[in-house]
N, C-alpha and C. Protein backbone atom coordinates (compact mmCIF):
# COMPACT_ATOMS: atom_id res chain seq x y z
N MET A 1 1.85 2.92 -12.12
CA MET A 1 2.73 2.12 -11.28
C MET A 1 3.33 0.95 -12.05
N LEU A 2 2.48 0.19 -12.74
CA LEU A 2 2.98 -0.97 -13.48
C LEU A 2 3.77 -0.56 -14.72
N ASP A 3 3.44 0.58 -15.31
CA ASP A 3 4.26 1.10 -16.40
C ASP A 3 5.70 1.28 -15.94
N MET A 4 5.89 1.87 -14.75
CA MET A 4 7.24 2.14 -14.26
C MET A 4 7.94 0.86 -13.83
N VAL A 5 7.18 -0.11 -13.32
CA VAL A 5 7.78 -1.41 -13.02
C VAL A 5 8.34 -2.02 -14.30
N GLU A 6 7.54 -2.02 -15.36
CA GLU A 6 7.99 -2.61 -16.62
C GLU A 6 9.18 -1.85 -17.19
N ALA A 7 9.13 -0.52 -17.10
CA ALA A 7 10.20 0.29 -17.68
C ALA A 7 11.54 0.06 -16.98
N LEU A 8 11.51 -0.18 -15.66
CA LEU A 8 12.74 -0.23 -14.90
C LEU A 8 13.22 -1.63 -14.53
N VAL A 9 12.31 -2.60 -14.37
CA VAL A 9 12.75 -3.94 -13.98
C VAL A 9 12.20 -5.04 -14.89
N GLY A 10 11.40 -4.68 -15.90
CA GLY A 10 10.96 -5.67 -16.88
C GLY A 10 9.63 -6.31 -16.55
N PRO A 11 9.16 -7.23 -17.43
CA PRO A 11 7.82 -7.80 -17.31
C PRO A 11 7.72 -9.09 -16.49
N GLU A 12 8.79 -9.50 -15.82
CA GLU A 12 8.75 -10.72 -15.00
C GLU A 12 9.28 -10.42 -13.60
N PRO A 13 8.73 -9.43 -12.92
CA PRO A 13 9.33 -9.01 -11.66
C PRO A 13 8.96 -9.89 -10.47
N ARG A 14 9.84 -9.92 -9.51
CA ARG A 14 9.53 -10.45 -8.17
C ARG A 14 9.10 -9.24 -7.34
N VAL A 15 7.85 -9.24 -6.88
CA VAL A 15 7.24 -8.05 -6.29
C VAL A 15 6.86 -8.30 -4.84
N LEU A 16 7.09 -7.30 -4.01
CA LEU A 16 6.58 -7.28 -2.65
C LEU A 16 5.41 -6.30 -2.63
N ASP A 17 4.20 -6.84 -2.37
CA ASP A 17 2.98 -6.04 -2.28
C ASP A 17 2.83 -5.65 -0.81
N LEU A 18 3.25 -4.43 -0.49
CA LEU A 18 3.40 -3.97 0.89
C LEU A 18 2.07 -3.43 1.41
N ALA A 19 1.65 -3.89 2.60
CA ALA A 19 0.33 -3.54 3.13
C ALA A 19 -0.72 -3.88 2.07
N CYS A 20 -0.73 -5.15 1.69
CA CYS A 20 -1.42 -5.60 0.47
C CYS A 20 -2.94 -5.58 0.56
N GLY A 21 -3.50 -5.59 1.78
CA GLY A 21 -4.95 -5.62 1.89
C GLY A 21 -5.54 -6.86 1.23
N THR A 22 -6.53 -6.65 0.37
CA THR A 22 -7.19 -7.77 -0.30
C THR A 22 -6.42 -8.28 -1.51
N GLY A 23 -5.26 -7.68 -1.82
CA GLY A 23 -4.44 -8.13 -2.93
C GLY A 23 -4.77 -7.48 -4.26
N SER A 24 -5.31 -6.28 -4.22
CA SER A 24 -5.72 -5.63 -5.48
C SER A 24 -4.54 -5.28 -6.37
N ILE A 25 -3.41 -4.88 -5.78
CA ILE A 25 -2.23 -4.60 -6.60
C ILE A 25 -1.71 -5.90 -7.22
N THR A 26 -1.67 -6.96 -6.44
CA THR A 26 -1.21 -8.25 -6.96
C THR A 26 -2.10 -8.72 -8.11
N ALA A 27 -3.41 -8.53 -8.00
CA ALA A 27 -4.32 -8.93 -9.08
C ALA A 27 -3.99 -8.18 -10.36
N ARG A 28 -3.76 -6.90 -10.27
CA ARG A 28 -3.42 -6.10 -11.45
C ARG A 28 -2.06 -6.50 -12.00
N LEU A 29 -1.12 -6.75 -11.08
CA LEU A 29 0.23 -7.16 -11.47
C LEU A 29 0.20 -8.44 -12.30
N LEU A 30 -0.49 -9.46 -11.82
CA LEU A 30 -0.50 -10.75 -12.50
C LEU A 30 -1.33 -10.73 -13.78
N HIS A 31 -2.33 -9.88 -13.83
CA HIS A 31 -3.10 -9.73 -15.07
C HIS A 31 -2.22 -9.17 -16.18
N ARG A 32 -1.39 -8.22 -15.80
CA ARG A 32 -0.52 -7.59 -16.80
C ARG A 32 0.76 -8.39 -17.05
N PHE A 33 1.32 -8.97 -15.99
CA PHE A 33 2.58 -9.70 -16.09
C PHE A 33 2.38 -11.13 -15.56
N PRO A 34 1.90 -12.03 -16.38
CA PRO A 34 1.57 -13.38 -15.90
C PRO A 34 2.75 -14.15 -15.33
N ARG A 35 3.98 -13.77 -15.69
CA ARG A 35 5.16 -14.48 -15.19
C ARG A 35 5.76 -13.81 -13.95
N ALA A 36 5.09 -12.81 -13.42
CA ALA A 36 5.54 -12.18 -12.18
C ALA A 36 5.24 -13.09 -10.99
N VAL A 37 5.93 -12.82 -9.88
CA VAL A 37 5.59 -13.47 -8.61
C VAL A 37 5.39 -12.36 -7.58
N SER A 38 4.53 -12.63 -6.59
CA SER A 38 4.20 -11.59 -5.63
C SER A 38 4.16 -12.16 -4.22
N THR A 39 4.70 -11.37 -3.29
CA THR A 39 4.55 -11.63 -1.86
C THR A 39 3.72 -10.51 -1.27
N GLY A 40 2.54 -10.83 -0.76
CA GLY A 40 1.69 -9.83 -0.11
C GLY A 40 1.91 -9.84 1.39
N VAL A 41 2.08 -8.66 1.98
CA VAL A 41 2.34 -8.54 3.41
C VAL A 41 1.29 -7.62 4.03
N ASP A 42 0.66 -8.08 5.10
CA ASP A 42 -0.30 -7.25 5.82
C ASP A 42 -0.46 -7.83 7.22
N LEU A 43 -1.09 -7.05 8.10
CA LEU A 43 -1.39 -7.51 9.44
C LEU A 43 -2.88 -7.78 9.63
N ASP A 44 -3.70 -7.21 8.75
CA ASP A 44 -5.15 -7.27 8.91
C ASP A 44 -5.67 -8.67 8.58
N PRO A 45 -6.19 -9.43 9.57
CA PRO A 45 -6.61 -10.80 9.29
C PRO A 45 -7.82 -10.91 8.37
N ALA A 46 -8.71 -9.91 8.39
CA ALA A 46 -9.88 -9.96 7.51
C ALA A 46 -9.48 -9.74 6.06
N LEU A 47 -8.66 -8.74 5.81
CA LEU A 47 -8.23 -8.47 4.44
C LEU A 47 -7.37 -9.61 3.91
N LEU A 48 -6.52 -10.16 4.77
CA LEU A 48 -5.70 -11.29 4.34
C LEU A 48 -6.54 -12.53 4.06
N ALA A 49 -7.63 -12.72 4.79
CA ALA A 49 -8.52 -13.84 4.50
C ALA A 49 -9.12 -13.71 3.11
N ILE A 50 -9.52 -12.49 2.75
CA ILE A 50 -10.05 -12.25 1.41
C ILE A 50 -8.97 -12.49 0.36
N ALA A 51 -7.77 -11.97 0.62
CA ALA A 51 -6.67 -12.13 -0.33
C ALA A 51 -6.32 -13.60 -0.53
N ARG A 52 -6.19 -14.33 0.55
CA ARG A 52 -5.83 -15.74 0.43
C ARG A 52 -6.91 -16.53 -0.30
N GLY A 53 -8.17 -16.19 -0.07
CA GLY A 53 -9.24 -16.87 -0.80
C GLY A 53 -9.22 -16.53 -2.27
N SER A 54 -8.91 -15.28 -2.59
CA SER A 54 -8.90 -14.84 -3.99
C SER A 54 -7.81 -15.53 -4.79
N PHE A 55 -6.67 -15.82 -4.16
CA PHE A 55 -5.51 -16.37 -4.88
C PHE A 55 -5.22 -17.82 -4.50
N ALA A 56 -6.19 -18.49 -3.92
CA ALA A 56 -5.99 -19.88 -3.52
C ALA A 56 -5.59 -20.73 -4.73
N GLY A 57 -4.53 -21.50 -4.58
CA GLY A 57 -4.06 -22.37 -5.65
C GLY A 57 -3.12 -21.71 -6.64
N ASP A 58 -2.85 -20.42 -6.50
CA ASP A 58 -1.94 -19.72 -7.42
C ASP A 58 -0.55 -19.70 -6.79
N ASP A 59 0.35 -20.53 -7.31
CA ASP A 59 1.67 -20.65 -6.70
C ASP A 59 2.58 -19.47 -7.00
N ARG A 60 2.08 -18.50 -7.75
CA ARG A 60 2.85 -17.27 -7.96
C ARG A 60 2.74 -16.31 -6.78
N VAL A 61 1.81 -16.56 -5.88
CA VAL A 61 1.47 -15.62 -4.82
C VAL A 61 1.65 -16.24 -3.45
N THR A 62 2.30 -15.50 -2.56
CA THR A 62 2.45 -15.88 -1.16
C THR A 62 1.98 -14.71 -0.30
N PHE A 63 1.28 -15.02 0.79
CA PHE A 63 0.87 -13.97 1.72
C PHE A 63 1.53 -14.21 3.07
N VAL A 64 1.95 -13.11 3.69
CA VAL A 64 2.65 -13.14 4.96
C VAL A 64 1.94 -12.22 5.94
N THR A 65 1.67 -12.71 7.12
CA THR A 65 1.12 -11.86 8.18
C THR A 65 2.27 -11.24 8.94
N ALA A 66 2.35 -9.91 8.92
CA ALA A 66 3.46 -9.22 9.58
C ALA A 66 3.06 -7.81 9.97
N ASP A 67 3.62 -7.35 11.05
CA ASP A 67 3.42 -5.99 11.55
C ASP A 67 4.55 -5.11 11.00
N LEU A 68 4.22 -4.17 10.13
CA LEU A 68 5.26 -3.36 9.49
C LEU A 68 5.93 -2.39 10.45
N THR A 69 5.43 -2.25 11.66
CA THR A 69 6.10 -1.42 12.66
C THR A 69 7.11 -2.23 13.47
N ASP A 70 7.16 -3.53 13.25
CA ASP A 70 8.15 -4.39 13.90
C ASP A 70 9.37 -4.47 12.99
N PRO A 71 10.54 -4.03 13.44
CA PRO A 71 11.72 -4.00 12.56
C PRO A 71 12.13 -5.37 12.05
N ARG A 72 11.62 -6.45 12.64
CA ARG A 72 12.01 -7.80 12.22
C ARG A 72 11.08 -8.36 11.15
N TRP A 73 10.11 -7.57 10.66
CA TRP A 73 9.14 -8.13 9.71
C TRP A 73 9.79 -8.68 8.43
N PRO A 74 10.89 -8.09 7.91
CA PRO A 74 11.47 -8.67 6.68
C PRO A 74 11.95 -10.11 6.85
N GLU A 75 12.22 -10.54 8.10
CA GLU A 75 12.68 -11.91 8.33
C GLU A 75 11.61 -12.94 7.98
N LEU A 76 10.35 -12.52 7.89
CA LEU A 76 9.25 -13.42 7.58
C LEU A 76 9.05 -13.64 6.09
N LEU A 77 9.73 -12.87 5.26
CA LEU A 77 9.51 -12.94 3.82
C LEU A 77 10.18 -14.17 3.21
N PRO A 78 9.63 -14.68 2.11
CA PRO A 78 10.22 -15.86 1.48
C PRO A 78 11.46 -15.56 0.65
N TYR A 79 11.68 -14.28 0.31
CA TYR A 79 12.84 -13.89 -0.48
C TYR A 79 13.61 -12.79 0.25
N GLY A 80 14.91 -12.76 0.00
CA GLY A 80 15.73 -11.74 0.61
C GLY A 80 15.75 -10.43 -0.14
N HIS A 81 15.45 -10.49 -1.46
CA HIS A 81 15.48 -9.28 -2.29
C HIS A 81 14.30 -9.30 -3.26
N TYR A 82 13.88 -8.12 -3.66
CA TYR A 82 12.77 -7.96 -4.59
C TYR A 82 13.15 -6.97 -5.69
N ASP A 83 12.57 -7.20 -6.87
CA ASP A 83 12.75 -6.25 -7.97
C ASP A 83 11.95 -4.98 -7.74
N ALA A 84 10.79 -5.13 -7.12
CA ALA A 84 9.91 -3.99 -6.91
C ALA A 84 9.11 -4.18 -5.63
N VAL A 85 8.95 -3.09 -4.90
CA VAL A 85 8.05 -3.05 -3.74
C VAL A 85 6.97 -2.03 -4.06
N LEU A 86 5.71 -2.46 -3.98
CA LEU A 86 4.59 -1.62 -4.39
C LEU A 86 3.61 -1.48 -3.24
N THR A 87 3.05 -0.29 -3.08
CA THR A 87 2.04 -0.06 -2.06
C THR A 87 1.16 1.11 -2.47
N ALA A 88 -0.10 1.07 -2.04
CA ALA A 88 -1.05 2.13 -2.41
C ALA A 88 -2.03 2.39 -1.28
N THR A 89 -2.19 3.65 -0.97
CA THR A 89 -3.19 4.15 -0.01
C THR A 89 -3.15 3.36 1.29
N ALA A 90 -1.95 3.20 1.83
CA ALA A 90 -1.79 2.39 3.04
C ALA A 90 -0.84 3.02 4.05
N LEU A 91 0.28 3.55 3.61
CA LEU A 91 1.31 3.98 4.55
C LEU A 91 0.96 5.26 5.29
N HIS A 92 -0.08 5.98 4.84
CA HIS A 92 -0.50 7.17 5.59
C HIS A 92 -1.09 6.78 6.96
N TRP A 93 -1.34 5.50 7.18
CA TRP A 93 -1.77 5.05 8.50
C TRP A 93 -0.65 5.16 9.53
N LEU A 94 0.60 5.20 9.08
CA LEU A 94 1.73 5.18 10.00
C LEU A 94 2.13 6.59 10.42
N PRO A 95 2.41 6.80 11.70
CA PRO A 95 3.00 8.07 12.13
C PRO A 95 4.41 8.25 11.58
N GLU A 96 4.98 9.41 11.79
CA GLU A 96 6.25 9.78 11.15
C GLU A 96 7.39 8.82 11.50
N LYS A 97 7.64 8.57 12.76
CA LYS A 97 8.80 7.75 13.13
C LYS A 97 8.71 6.32 12.61
N PRO A 98 7.57 5.64 12.76
CA PRO A 98 7.48 4.29 12.19
C PRO A 98 7.60 4.26 10.67
N LEU A 99 7.12 5.31 9.99
CA LEU A 99 7.23 5.35 8.53
C LEU A 99 8.69 5.53 8.11
N ILE A 100 9.41 6.40 8.80
CA ILE A 100 10.84 6.57 8.50
C ILE A 100 11.59 5.25 8.73
N ALA A 101 11.25 4.57 9.82
CA ALA A 101 11.90 3.28 10.09
C ALA A 101 11.56 2.25 9.02
N LEU A 102 10.30 2.26 8.55
CA LEU A 102 9.90 1.32 7.49
C LEU A 102 10.69 1.60 6.22
N TYR A 103 10.81 2.86 5.83
CA TYR A 103 11.59 3.21 4.66
C TYR A 103 13.04 2.75 4.81
N GLY A 104 13.58 2.90 6.00
CA GLY A 104 14.95 2.46 6.22
C GLY A 104 15.12 0.96 6.03
N GLY A 105 14.09 0.19 6.40
CA GLY A 105 14.16 -1.25 6.24
C GLY A 105 13.93 -1.71 4.81
N LEU A 106 13.35 -0.85 3.98
CA LEU A 106 13.10 -1.24 2.59
C LEU A 106 14.37 -1.21 1.75
N GLY A 107 15.30 -0.33 2.10
CA GLY A 107 16.51 -0.21 1.31
C GLY A 107 17.20 -1.53 1.04
N PRO A 108 17.48 -2.34 2.07
CA PRO A 108 18.14 -3.63 1.84
C PRO A 108 17.28 -4.66 1.11
N LEU A 109 15.94 -4.48 1.10
CA LEU A 109 15.06 -5.45 0.46
C LEU A 109 15.00 -5.30 -1.06
N VAL A 110 15.27 -4.09 -1.55
CA VAL A 110 15.17 -3.82 -2.98
C VAL A 110 16.54 -4.02 -3.61
N ARG A 111 16.61 -4.86 -4.63
CA ARG A 111 17.90 -5.13 -5.28
C ARG A 111 18.41 -3.88 -5.98
N ASP A 112 19.70 -3.85 -6.27
CA ASP A 112 20.26 -2.74 -7.03
C ASP A 112 19.55 -2.64 -8.38
N GLY A 113 19.09 -1.46 -8.73
CA GLY A 113 18.32 -1.27 -9.94
C GLY A 113 16.83 -1.50 -9.77
N GLY A 114 16.44 -1.97 -8.58
CA GLY A 114 15.02 -2.18 -8.31
C GLY A 114 14.32 -0.92 -7.88
N VAL A 115 13.00 -1.03 -7.67
CA VAL A 115 12.20 0.16 -7.42
C VAL A 115 11.26 -0.02 -6.23
N PHE A 116 10.92 1.09 -5.61
CA PHE A 116 9.85 1.18 -4.63
C PHE A 116 8.87 2.23 -5.13
N LEU A 117 7.57 1.88 -5.11
CA LEU A 117 6.54 2.81 -5.56
C LEU A 117 5.45 2.90 -4.50
N ASN A 118 5.17 4.13 -4.07
CA ASN A 118 4.16 4.38 -3.05
C ASN A 118 3.15 5.39 -3.58
N ALA A 119 1.92 4.92 -3.79
CA ALA A 119 0.82 5.82 -4.18
C ALA A 119 -0.02 6.09 -2.94
N ASP A 120 -0.10 7.35 -2.53
CA ASP A 120 -0.79 7.63 -1.27
C ASP A 120 -1.17 9.10 -1.19
N HIS A 121 -1.88 9.44 -0.10
CA HIS A 121 -2.23 10.83 0.17
C HIS A 121 -0.94 11.59 0.49
N MET A 122 -0.64 12.62 -0.27
CA MET A 122 0.58 13.40 -0.06
C MET A 122 0.26 14.88 -0.28
N ARG A 123 -0.43 15.43 0.70
CA ARG A 123 -0.88 16.82 0.57
C ARG A 123 0.20 17.78 1.00
N ASP A 124 0.21 18.93 0.37
CA ASP A 124 1.19 19.97 0.65
C ASP A 124 0.55 21.00 1.59
N ALA A 125 1.09 21.12 2.80
CA ALA A 125 0.53 22.06 3.78
C ALA A 125 0.68 23.51 3.34
N GLY A 126 1.53 23.75 2.34
CA GLY A 126 1.73 25.12 1.87
C GLY A 126 0.65 25.63 0.93
N THR A 127 -0.34 24.79 0.61
CA THR A 127 -1.43 25.20 -0.29
C THR A 127 -2.78 24.96 0.39
N PRO A 128 -3.08 25.64 1.49
CA PRO A 128 -4.28 25.33 2.27
C PRO A 128 -5.58 25.57 1.52
N ARG A 129 -5.66 26.60 0.69
CA ARG A 129 -6.92 26.87 -0.02
C ARG A 129 -7.18 25.81 -1.09
N ILE A 130 -6.12 25.41 -1.79
CA ILE A 130 -6.26 24.33 -2.77
C ILE A 130 -6.68 23.05 -2.06
N ASN A 131 -6.05 22.75 -0.93
CA ASN A 131 -6.37 21.54 -0.19
C ASN A 131 -7.83 21.54 0.26
N ALA A 132 -8.30 22.68 0.77
CA ALA A 132 -9.67 22.76 1.26
C ALA A 132 -10.67 22.60 0.13
N ALA A 133 -10.39 23.22 -1.00
CA ALA A 133 -11.31 23.12 -2.14
C ALA A 133 -11.36 21.69 -2.67
N GLU A 134 -10.20 21.06 -2.77
CA GLU A 134 -10.16 19.68 -3.25
C GLU A 134 -10.91 18.75 -2.31
N ARG A 135 -10.72 18.95 -1.02
CA ARG A 135 -11.38 18.08 -0.04
C ARG A 135 -12.90 18.24 -0.09
N ALA A 136 -13.35 19.47 -0.15
CA ALA A 136 -14.79 19.71 -0.21
C ALA A 136 -15.40 19.09 -1.47
N HIS A 137 -14.72 19.23 -2.60
CA HIS A 137 -15.20 18.67 -3.86
C HIS A 137 -15.23 17.15 -3.80
N ARG A 138 -14.19 16.55 -3.24
CA ARG A 138 -14.10 15.09 -3.14
C ARG A 138 -15.18 14.53 -2.21
N LEU A 139 -15.38 15.17 -1.05
CA LEU A 139 -16.38 14.68 -0.11
C LEU A 139 -17.79 14.81 -0.67
N ALA A 140 -18.04 15.87 -1.42
CA ALA A 140 -19.35 16.03 -2.04
C ALA A 140 -19.61 14.91 -3.05
N ALA A 141 -18.58 14.55 -3.82
CA ALA A 141 -18.72 13.46 -4.78
C ALA A 141 -18.96 12.13 -4.06
N MET A 142 -18.30 11.93 -2.93
CA MET A 142 -18.50 10.72 -2.15
C MET A 142 -19.92 10.63 -1.60
N GLU A 143 -20.45 11.75 -1.15
CA GLU A 143 -21.82 11.76 -0.64
C GLU A 143 -22.82 11.46 -1.75
N ARG A 144 -22.58 11.99 -2.94
CA ARG A 144 -23.47 11.69 -4.07
C ARG A 144 -23.41 10.19 -4.41
N ALA A 145 -22.20 9.63 -4.39
CA ALA A 145 -22.06 8.20 -4.68
C ALA A 145 -22.76 7.35 -3.62
N LYS A 146 -22.63 7.75 -2.36
CA LYS A 146 -23.29 7.02 -1.27
C LYS A 146 -24.80 7.08 -1.42
N ALA A 147 -25.32 8.26 -1.78
CA ALA A 147 -26.76 8.42 -1.97
C ALA A 147 -27.26 7.55 -3.12
N ALA A 148 -26.38 7.28 -4.09
CA ALA A 148 -26.75 6.46 -5.24
C ALA A 148 -26.57 4.97 -4.98
N GLY A 149 -26.13 4.63 -3.77
CA GLY A 149 -26.03 3.21 -3.41
C GLY A 149 -24.64 2.67 -3.22
N ALA A 150 -23.62 3.50 -3.39
CA ALA A 150 -22.25 3.03 -3.19
C ALA A 150 -22.02 2.70 -1.71
N VAL A 151 -21.20 1.70 -1.45
CA VAL A 151 -20.89 1.29 -0.08
C VAL A 151 -19.67 2.07 0.40
N ASP A 152 -19.81 2.78 1.52
CA ASP A 152 -18.68 3.53 2.05
C ASP A 152 -17.86 2.64 2.98
N TRP A 153 -16.80 3.21 3.55
CA TRP A 153 -15.86 2.48 4.39
C TRP A 153 -16.56 1.77 5.54
N GLU A 154 -17.37 2.51 6.29
CA GLU A 154 -18.04 1.94 7.46
C GLU A 154 -19.01 0.83 7.07
N SER A 155 -19.78 1.06 6.02
CA SER A 155 -20.77 0.06 5.59
C SER A 155 -20.08 -1.19 5.08
N TRP A 156 -18.94 -1.03 4.38
CA TRP A 156 -18.21 -2.19 3.88
C TRP A 156 -17.76 -3.08 5.03
N TRP A 157 -17.23 -2.47 6.09
CA TRP A 157 -16.78 -3.26 7.24
C TRP A 157 -17.94 -3.91 7.97
N GLN A 158 -19.11 -3.29 7.95
CA GLN A 158 -20.29 -3.93 8.53
C GLN A 158 -20.65 -5.18 7.75
N LEU A 159 -20.54 -5.11 6.43
CA LEU A 159 -20.80 -6.29 5.61
C LEU A 159 -19.79 -7.40 5.88
N VAL A 160 -18.53 -7.03 6.04
CA VAL A 160 -17.49 -8.02 6.34
C VAL A 160 -17.77 -8.69 7.69
N ALA A 161 -18.12 -7.88 8.68
CA ALA A 161 -18.36 -8.41 10.02
C ALA A 161 -19.57 -9.34 10.07
N ALA A 162 -20.51 -9.16 9.12
CA ALA A 162 -21.70 -10.00 9.08
C ALA A 162 -21.51 -11.26 8.25
N ASP A 163 -20.40 -11.36 7.53
CA ASP A 163 -20.16 -12.51 6.68
C ASP A 163 -19.73 -13.70 7.53
N PRO A 164 -20.32 -14.88 7.33
CA PRO A 164 -20.00 -16.02 8.21
C PRO A 164 -18.55 -16.46 8.13
N VAL A 165 -17.92 -16.29 6.99
CA VAL A 165 -16.51 -16.68 6.85
C VAL A 165 -15.58 -15.62 7.43
N LEU A 166 -15.96 -14.35 7.28
CA LEU A 166 -15.06 -13.25 7.64
C LEU A 166 -15.33 -12.65 9.01
N ALA A 167 -16.41 -13.06 9.68
CA ALA A 167 -16.77 -12.46 10.96
C ALA A 167 -15.66 -12.62 11.99
N GLY A 168 -15.09 -13.82 12.09
CA GLY A 168 -14.00 -14.05 13.04
C GLY A 168 -12.77 -13.21 12.75
N PRO A 169 -12.24 -13.25 11.49
CA PRO A 169 -11.10 -12.39 11.17
C PRO A 169 -11.40 -10.90 11.34
N ALA A 170 -12.65 -10.48 11.07
CA ALA A 170 -12.99 -9.07 11.24
C ALA A 170 -12.95 -8.67 12.71
N ALA A 171 -13.45 -9.53 13.58
CA ALA A 171 -13.39 -9.23 15.01
C ALA A 171 -11.95 -9.12 15.49
N GLU A 172 -11.08 -10.01 14.99
CA GLU A 172 -9.67 -9.94 15.33
C GLU A 172 -9.04 -8.67 14.79
N ARG A 173 -9.46 -8.29 13.60
CA ARG A 173 -8.94 -7.07 12.99
C ARG A 173 -9.24 -5.84 13.86
N PHE A 174 -10.46 -5.73 14.36
CA PHE A 174 -10.82 -4.57 15.19
C PHE A 174 -10.16 -4.66 16.56
N ARG A 175 -9.84 -5.86 17.02
CA ARG A 175 -9.08 -5.98 18.25
C ARG A 175 -7.67 -5.43 18.07
N ILE A 176 -7.09 -5.68 16.90
CA ILE A 176 -5.73 -5.21 16.62
C ILE A 176 -5.69 -3.70 16.41
N TYR A 177 -6.60 -3.21 15.56
CA TYR A 177 -6.51 -1.82 15.11
C TYR A 177 -7.41 -0.86 15.86
N GLY A 178 -8.52 -1.33 16.41
CA GLY A 178 -9.49 -0.40 16.96
C GLY A 178 -10.17 0.36 15.84
N GLU A 179 -10.55 1.59 16.11
CA GLU A 179 -11.18 2.42 15.09
C GLU A 179 -10.14 2.91 14.08
N HIS A 180 -10.64 3.29 12.91
CA HIS A 180 -9.76 3.80 11.85
C HIS A 180 -9.16 5.13 12.27
N VAL A 181 -7.84 5.19 12.39
CA VAL A 181 -7.14 6.41 12.78
C VAL A 181 -6.05 6.71 11.76
N GLU A 182 -6.06 7.92 11.22
CA GLU A 182 -5.05 8.29 10.25
C GLU A 182 -3.71 8.52 10.93
N GLY A 183 -2.63 8.25 10.22
CA GLY A 183 -1.31 8.59 10.69
C GLY A 183 -0.94 10.00 10.24
N ASP A 184 0.29 10.18 9.83
CA ASP A 184 0.76 11.50 9.39
C ASP A 184 0.81 11.53 7.86
N THR A 185 0.44 12.67 7.29
CA THR A 185 0.46 12.84 5.84
C THR A 185 1.51 13.89 5.48
N PHE A 186 2.41 13.51 4.58
CA PHE A 186 3.53 14.38 4.23
C PHE A 186 3.54 14.65 2.73
N PRO A 187 4.16 15.76 2.32
CA PRO A 187 4.24 16.06 0.88
C PRO A 187 5.24 15.16 0.17
N VAL A 188 5.20 15.21 -1.14
CA VAL A 188 6.06 14.38 -1.97
C VAL A 188 7.53 14.54 -1.60
N GLU A 189 7.96 15.79 -1.41
CA GLU A 189 9.37 16.05 -1.16
C GLU A 189 9.87 15.35 0.11
N TRP A 190 9.00 15.27 1.10
CA TRP A 190 9.38 14.58 2.35
C TRP A 190 9.63 13.11 2.07
N HIS A 191 8.72 12.46 1.34
CA HIS A 191 8.89 11.04 1.02
C HIS A 191 10.17 10.81 0.22
N ALA A 192 10.40 11.65 -0.78
CA ALA A 192 11.60 11.50 -1.61
C ALA A 192 12.86 11.65 -0.77
N ARG A 193 12.87 12.59 0.15
CA ARG A 193 14.03 12.82 1.00
C ARG A 193 14.29 11.62 1.91
N GLN A 194 13.25 11.07 2.50
CA GLN A 194 13.42 9.92 3.39
C GLN A 194 13.88 8.68 2.62
N LEU A 195 13.40 8.52 1.40
CA LEU A 195 13.79 7.36 0.60
C LEU A 195 15.24 7.46 0.15
N ARG A 196 15.68 8.65 -0.18
CA ARG A 196 17.10 8.81 -0.53
C ARG A 196 17.97 8.52 0.69
N ALA A 197 17.52 8.95 1.86
CA ALA A 197 18.28 8.67 3.09
C ALA A 197 18.30 7.18 3.40
N ALA A 198 17.30 6.44 2.91
CA ALA A 198 17.22 5.00 3.14
C ALA A 198 18.07 4.19 2.17
N GLY A 199 18.74 4.87 1.23
CA GLY A 199 19.66 4.17 0.33
C GLY A 199 19.24 4.13 -1.12
N PHE A 200 18.14 4.79 -1.46
CA PHE A 200 17.73 4.85 -2.86
C PHE A 200 18.47 6.00 -3.56
N ALA A 201 18.89 5.73 -4.80
CA ALA A 201 19.71 6.71 -5.52
C ALA A 201 18.88 7.88 -6.04
N GLU A 202 17.65 7.60 -6.46
CA GLU A 202 16.78 8.64 -7.02
C GLU A 202 15.37 8.45 -6.47
N ALA A 203 14.66 9.56 -6.30
CA ALA A 203 13.27 9.47 -5.83
C ALA A 203 12.53 10.73 -6.22
N ARG A 204 11.34 10.53 -6.82
CA ARG A 204 10.50 11.67 -7.16
C ARG A 204 9.11 11.18 -7.51
N ALA A 205 8.17 12.12 -7.63
CA ALA A 205 6.82 11.78 -8.06
C ALA A 205 6.81 11.47 -9.55
N VAL A 206 6.05 10.44 -9.94
CA VAL A 206 5.88 10.13 -11.37
C VAL A 206 4.40 10.24 -11.78
N TRP A 207 3.55 10.60 -10.82
CA TRP A 207 2.13 10.85 -11.10
C TRP A 207 1.58 11.62 -9.91
N SER A 208 0.64 12.54 -10.16
CA SER A 208 0.01 13.28 -9.07
C SER A 208 -1.42 13.65 -9.42
N SER A 209 -2.26 13.72 -8.38
CA SER A 209 -3.59 14.33 -8.46
C SER A 209 -3.60 15.46 -7.44
N PRO A 210 -4.71 16.17 -7.28
CA PRO A 210 -4.72 17.24 -6.27
C PRO A 210 -4.47 16.76 -4.85
N SER A 211 -4.76 15.51 -4.55
CA SER A 211 -4.59 15.04 -3.17
C SER A 211 -3.58 13.91 -3.02
N ASP A 212 -3.27 13.19 -4.09
CA ASP A 212 -2.43 12.00 -4.01
C ASP A 212 -1.27 12.10 -4.98
N SER A 213 -0.23 11.31 -4.68
CA SER A 213 0.91 11.23 -5.59
C SER A 213 1.46 9.83 -5.57
N LEU A 214 2.16 9.49 -6.66
CA LEU A 214 2.89 8.22 -6.77
C LEU A 214 4.38 8.56 -6.77
N VAL A 215 5.05 8.18 -5.70
CA VAL A 215 6.48 8.42 -5.57
C VAL A 215 7.23 7.16 -5.97
N LEU A 216 8.21 7.33 -6.84
CA LEU A 216 9.07 6.23 -7.27
C LEU A 216 10.46 6.47 -6.73
N ALA A 217 11.03 5.43 -6.11
CA ALA A 217 12.42 5.48 -5.65
C ALA A 217 13.18 4.36 -6.37
N LEU A 218 14.32 4.70 -6.95
CA LEU A 218 15.16 3.77 -7.71
C LEU A 218 16.41 3.47 -6.91
N LYS A 219 16.68 2.19 -6.70
CA LYS A 219 17.86 1.77 -5.91
C LYS A 219 19.13 1.95 -6.74
């Protein structure tokens, strides 16, 4: 992801970290490009509390609380245009219509020559046996990691909810979202088609695994 940012917009980008969570993309961005600036956007109050604490005092970083299903969310941003919009393992939470609407709103936010990069689950329904084998292999590896002491999704949120600083934001988070529910998962070609319809000149995968892909769209 950062290789393509550097290749297309240079080493001092203005970045929108979309559905930023705890700010892990921003952390990697600033480690590699110290002169970059980042705006992180999310709705989750617990994850944003962690992000804001992690980057406290860093004037290169701004965090915005916004609902990406609200078409007015770009009005909350500190900048009108960005060199790059980056997101990872987040947009699969959105159903089809809200995701198409989100892509449509990204077009005006990315400057001419800028990029959008989305790394996420992008499975192809036309390969069911490959999908099943990959899923079984991945889940088995996750179970082995859990047995060895790794913290899974549910256990991590239990730790957050028990933390004295994060308990309040975590309770608010579950009030907003409820239980973890997946949205719709589409293949690479679907994402590329929607991004071209949103005003990007080119769009395709620049990295793939058996279950995930990184789609790059160039304005």
